[in-house]
Amino acid sequence: MKAVSARTFEMVPALGNHIIEFGDGNDYEKKFRRLLAFYQQVLSKTGMDTYEKINVQFAGEVIGIKKEKPLSKADSVQAVKNVLKMIDESEKQAMQVDSTE
């Protein structure tokens, strides 16, 4: 556990690749209960490396921030196609505007 500032803490668990934003030491028992529930109900199904951060510092909630998935080659190809289509459509619109003037 390391102090992020004078009043808050972050923890890096031995298992998994995420950071737990714990906040201050107030209500630590409730925070650990919420964290345990998140591990049992969510991480047991999604895997320990799905989330980048797990925030338990706010009363009554757990905020999980998922890791961004890298774009696959297929996603990159589709993105290029989408950009080319947008360029083509904008050129067509520009020609229509020029022909009406």
C-alpha atoms as a PDB file:
ATOM      1  CA  MET A   1       0.000   0.000   0.000  1.00  0.00           C
ATOM      2  CA  LYS A   2       1.383   3.427  -0.832  1.00  0.00           C
ATOM      3  CA  ALA A   3       0.205   6.886   0.126  1.00  0.00           C
ATOM      4  CA  VAL A   4      -0.926   8.783  -2.978  1.00  0.00           C
ATOM      5  CA  SER A   5      -1.304  12.000  -1.045  1.00  0.00           C
ATOM      6  CA  ALA A   6      -1.363  12.780   2.647  1.00  0.00           C
ATOM      7  CA  ARG A   7      -4.954  11.506   2.831  1.00  0.00           C
ATOM      8  CA  THR A   8      -5.448   8.729   0.287  1.00  0.00           C
ATOM      9  CA  PHE A   9      -4.001   5.308  -0.449  1.00  0.00           C
ATOM     10  CA  GLU A  10      -3.611   3.028  -3.436  1.00  0.00           C
ATOM     11  CA  MET A  11      -2.979  -0.694  -3.222  1.00  0.00           C
ATOM     12  CA  VAL A  12      -1.413  -3.002  -5.769  1.00  0.00           C
ATOM     13  CA  PRO A  13      -2.556  -6.587  -5.188  1.00  0.00           C
ATOM     14  CA  ALA A  14      -0.157  -9.511  -5.534  1.00  0.00           C
ATOM     15  CA  LEU A  15      -2.626 -11.229  -7.881  1.00  0.00           C
ATOM     16  CA  GLY A  16      -3.918  -9.364 -10.907  1.00  0.00           C
ATOM     17  CA  ASN A  17      -2.694  -6.324 -12.755  1.00  0.00           C
ATOM     18  CA  HIS A  18      -4.773  -3.455 -11.395  1.00  0.00           C
ATOM     19  CA  ILE A  19      -4.655  -0.673  -8.818  1.00  0.00           C
ATOM     20  CA  ILE A  20      -7.109  -0.380  -5.960  1.00  0.00           C
ATOM     21  CA  GLU A  21      -7.935   3.222  -5.123  1.00  0.00           C
ATOM     22  CA  PHE A  22      -8.741   2.965  -1.448  1.00  0.00           C
ATOM     23  CA  GLY A  23      -9.115   6.603  -0.457  1.00  0.00           C
ATOM     24  CA  ASP A  24      -8.513   7.524   3.154  1.00  0.00           C
ATOM     25  CA  GLY A  25      -8.576   5.105   6.081  1.00  0.00           C
ATOM     26  CA  ASN A  26     -12.139   5.915   7.106  1.00  0.00           C
ATOM     27  CA  ASP A  27     -14.634   3.042   6.956  1.00  0.00           C
ATOM     28  CA  TYR A  28     -11.867   0.658   5.914  1.00  0.00           C
ATOM     29  CA  GLU A  29     -13.913  -2.405   6.928  1.00  0.00           C
ATOM     30  CA  LYS A  30     -16.767  -1.407   4.595  1.00  0.00           C
ATOM     31  CA  LYS A  31     -14.280  -0.686   1.794  1.00  0.00           C
ATOM     32  CA  PHE A  32     -12.694  -4.118   2.149  1.00  0.00           C
ATOM     33  CA  ARG A  33     -16.153  -5.753   2.160  1.00  0.00           C
ATOM     34  CA  ARG A  34     -17.096  -3.950  -1.060  1.00  0.00           C
ATOM     35  CA  LEU A  35     -13.771  -4.923  -2.598  1.00  0.00           C
ATOM     36  CA  LEU A  36     -14.262  -8.579  -1.622  1.00  0.00           C
ATOM     37  CA  ALA A  37     -17.773  -8.542  -3.110  1.00  0.00           C
ATOM     38  CA  PHE A  38     -16.388  -7.065  -6.354  1.00  0.00           C
ATOM     39  CA  TYR A  39     -13.726  -9.772  -6.503  1.00  0.00           C
ATOM     40  CA  GLN A  40     -16.288 -12.514  -5.902  1.00  0.00           C
ATOM     41  CA  GLN A  41     -19.075 -11.218  -8.150  1.00  0.00           C
ATOM     42  CA  VAL A  42     -17.174  -9.537 -10.979  1.00  0.00           C
ATOM     43  CA  LEU A  43     -13.511 -10.490 -11.183  1.00  0.00           C
ATOM     44  CA  SER A  44     -14.259 -14.176 -10.667  1.00  0.00           C
ATOM     45  CA  LYS A  45     -16.196 -14.010 -13.963  1.00  0.00           C
ATOM     46  CA  THR A  46     -14.195 -11.471 -15.992  1.00  0.00           C
ATOM     47  CA  GLY A  47     -10.668 -12.291 -14.847  1.00  0.00           C
ATOM     48  CA  MET A  48      -8.157 -10.523 -12.653  1.00  0.00           C
ATOM     49  CA  ASP A  49      -6.643  -8.462 -15.481  1.00  0.00           C
ATOM     50  CA  THR A  50      -9.832  -6.988 -16.962  1.00  0.00           C
ATOM     51  CA  TYR A  51      -9.768  -3.803 -14.909  1.00  0.00           C
ATOM     52  CA  GLU A  52      -7.107  -1.108 -14.749  1.00  0.00           C
ATOM     53  CA  LYS A  53      -8.421   0.459 -11.545  1.00  0.00           C
ATOM     54  CA  ILE A  54     -10.902  -0.482  -8.868  1.00  0.00           C
ATOM     55  CA  ASN A  55     -12.081   2.410  -6.743  1.00  0.00           C
ATOM     56  CA  VAL A  56     -13.688   1.710  -3.354  1.00  0.00           C
ATOM     57  CA  GLN A  57     -13.189   5.104  -1.749  1.00  0.00           C
ATOM     58  CA  PHE A  58     -16.805   6.272  -2.115  1.00  0.00           C
ATOM     59  CA  ALA A  59     -19.524   5.016   0.244  1.00  0.00           C
ATOM     60  CA  GLY A  60     -21.774   2.287  -1.108  1.00  0.00           C
ATOM     61  CA  GLU A  61     -20.143   1.827  -4.502  1.00  0.00           C
ATOM     62  CA  VAL A  62     -17.275   0.239  -6.363  1.00  0.00           C
ATOM     63  CA  ILE A  63     -16.056   1.855  -9.563  1.00  0.00           C
ATOM     64  CA  GLY A  64     -14.235  -0.427 -11.966  1.00  0.00           C
ATOM     65  CA  ILE A  65     -12.315   1.139 -14.843  1.00  0.00           C
ATOM     66  CA  LYS A  66     -11.701  -1.408 -17.590  1.00  0.00           C
ATOM     67  CA  LYS A  67      -8.476  -1.593 -19.497  1.00  0.00           C
ATOM     68  CA  GLU A  68      -8.619  -0.413 -23.066  1.00  0.00           C
ATOM     69  CA  LYS A  69      -8.351  -3.220 -25.548  1.00  0.00           C
ATOM     70  CA  PRO A  70      -5.803  -2.685 -28.299  1.00  0.00           C
ATOM     71  CA  LEU A  71      -7.251  -2.401 -31.771  1.00  0.00           C
ATOM     72  CA  SER A  72      -7.078  -5.579 -33.771  1.00  0.00           C
ATOM     73  CA  LYS A  73      -5.868  -5.567 -37.365  1.00  0.00           C
ATOM     74  CA  ALA A  74      -9.477  -5.963 -38.521  1.00  0.00           C
ATOM     75  CA  ASP A  75     -10.526  -2.936 -36.443  1.00  0.00           C
ATOM     76  CA  SER A  76      -7.693  -0.879 -37.950  1.00  0.00           C
ATOM     77  CA  VAL A  77      -8.674  -1.854 -41.501  1.00  0.00           C
ATOM     78  CA  GLN A  78     -12.313  -0.985 -40.787  1.00  0.00           C
ATOM     79  CA  ALA A  79     -11.264   2.381 -39.348  1.00  0.00           C
ATOM     80  CA  VAL A  80      -9.344   3.201 -42.547  1.00  0.00           C
ATOM     81  CA  LYS A  81     -12.368   2.201 -44.648  1.00  0.00           C
ATOM     82  CA  ASN A  82     -14.608   4.440 -42.531  1.00  0.00           C
ATOM     83  CA  VAL A  83     -12.271   7.419 -42.959  1.00  0.00           C
ATOM     84  CA  LEU A  84     -12.054   6.888 -46.732  1.00  0.00           C
ATOM     85  CA  LYS A  85     -15.842   6.675 -46.922  1.00  0.00           C
ATOM     86  CA  MET A  86     -16.189   9.953 -44.975  1.00  0.00           C
ATOM     87  CA  ILE A  87     -13.704  11.658 -47.308  1.00  0.00           C
ATOM     88  CA  ASP A  88     -15.595  10.380 -50.351  1.00  0.00           C
ATOM     89  CA  GLU A  89     -18.929  11.579 -48.963  1.00  0.00           C
ATOM     90  CA  SER A  90     -17.551  15.010 -48.102  1.00  0.00           C
ATOM     91  CA  GLU A  91     -16.093  15.347 -51.630  1.00  0.00           C
ATOM     92  CA  LYS A  92     -19.499  14.447 -53.120  1.00  0.00           C
ATOM     93  CA  GLN A  93     -21.187  17.060 -50.918  1.00  0.00           C
ATOM     94  CA  ALA A  94     -18.616  19.663 -51.934  1.00  0.00           C
ATOM     95  CA  MET A  95     -19.301  18.906 -55.642  1.00  0.00           C
ATOM     96  CA  GLN A  96     -23.051  19.269 -55.066  1.00  0.00           C
ATOM     97  CA  VAL A  97     -22.543  22.641 -53.414  1.00  0.00           C
ATOM     98  CA  ASP A  98     -20.285  23.787 -56.274  1.00  0.00           C
ATOM     99  CA  SER A  99     -22.823  22.691 -58.929  1.00  0.00           C
ATOM    100  CA  THR A 100     -25.669  24.633 -57.255  1.00  0.00           C
ATOM    101  CA  GLU A 101     -23.740  27.884 -57.107  1.00  0.00           C
END
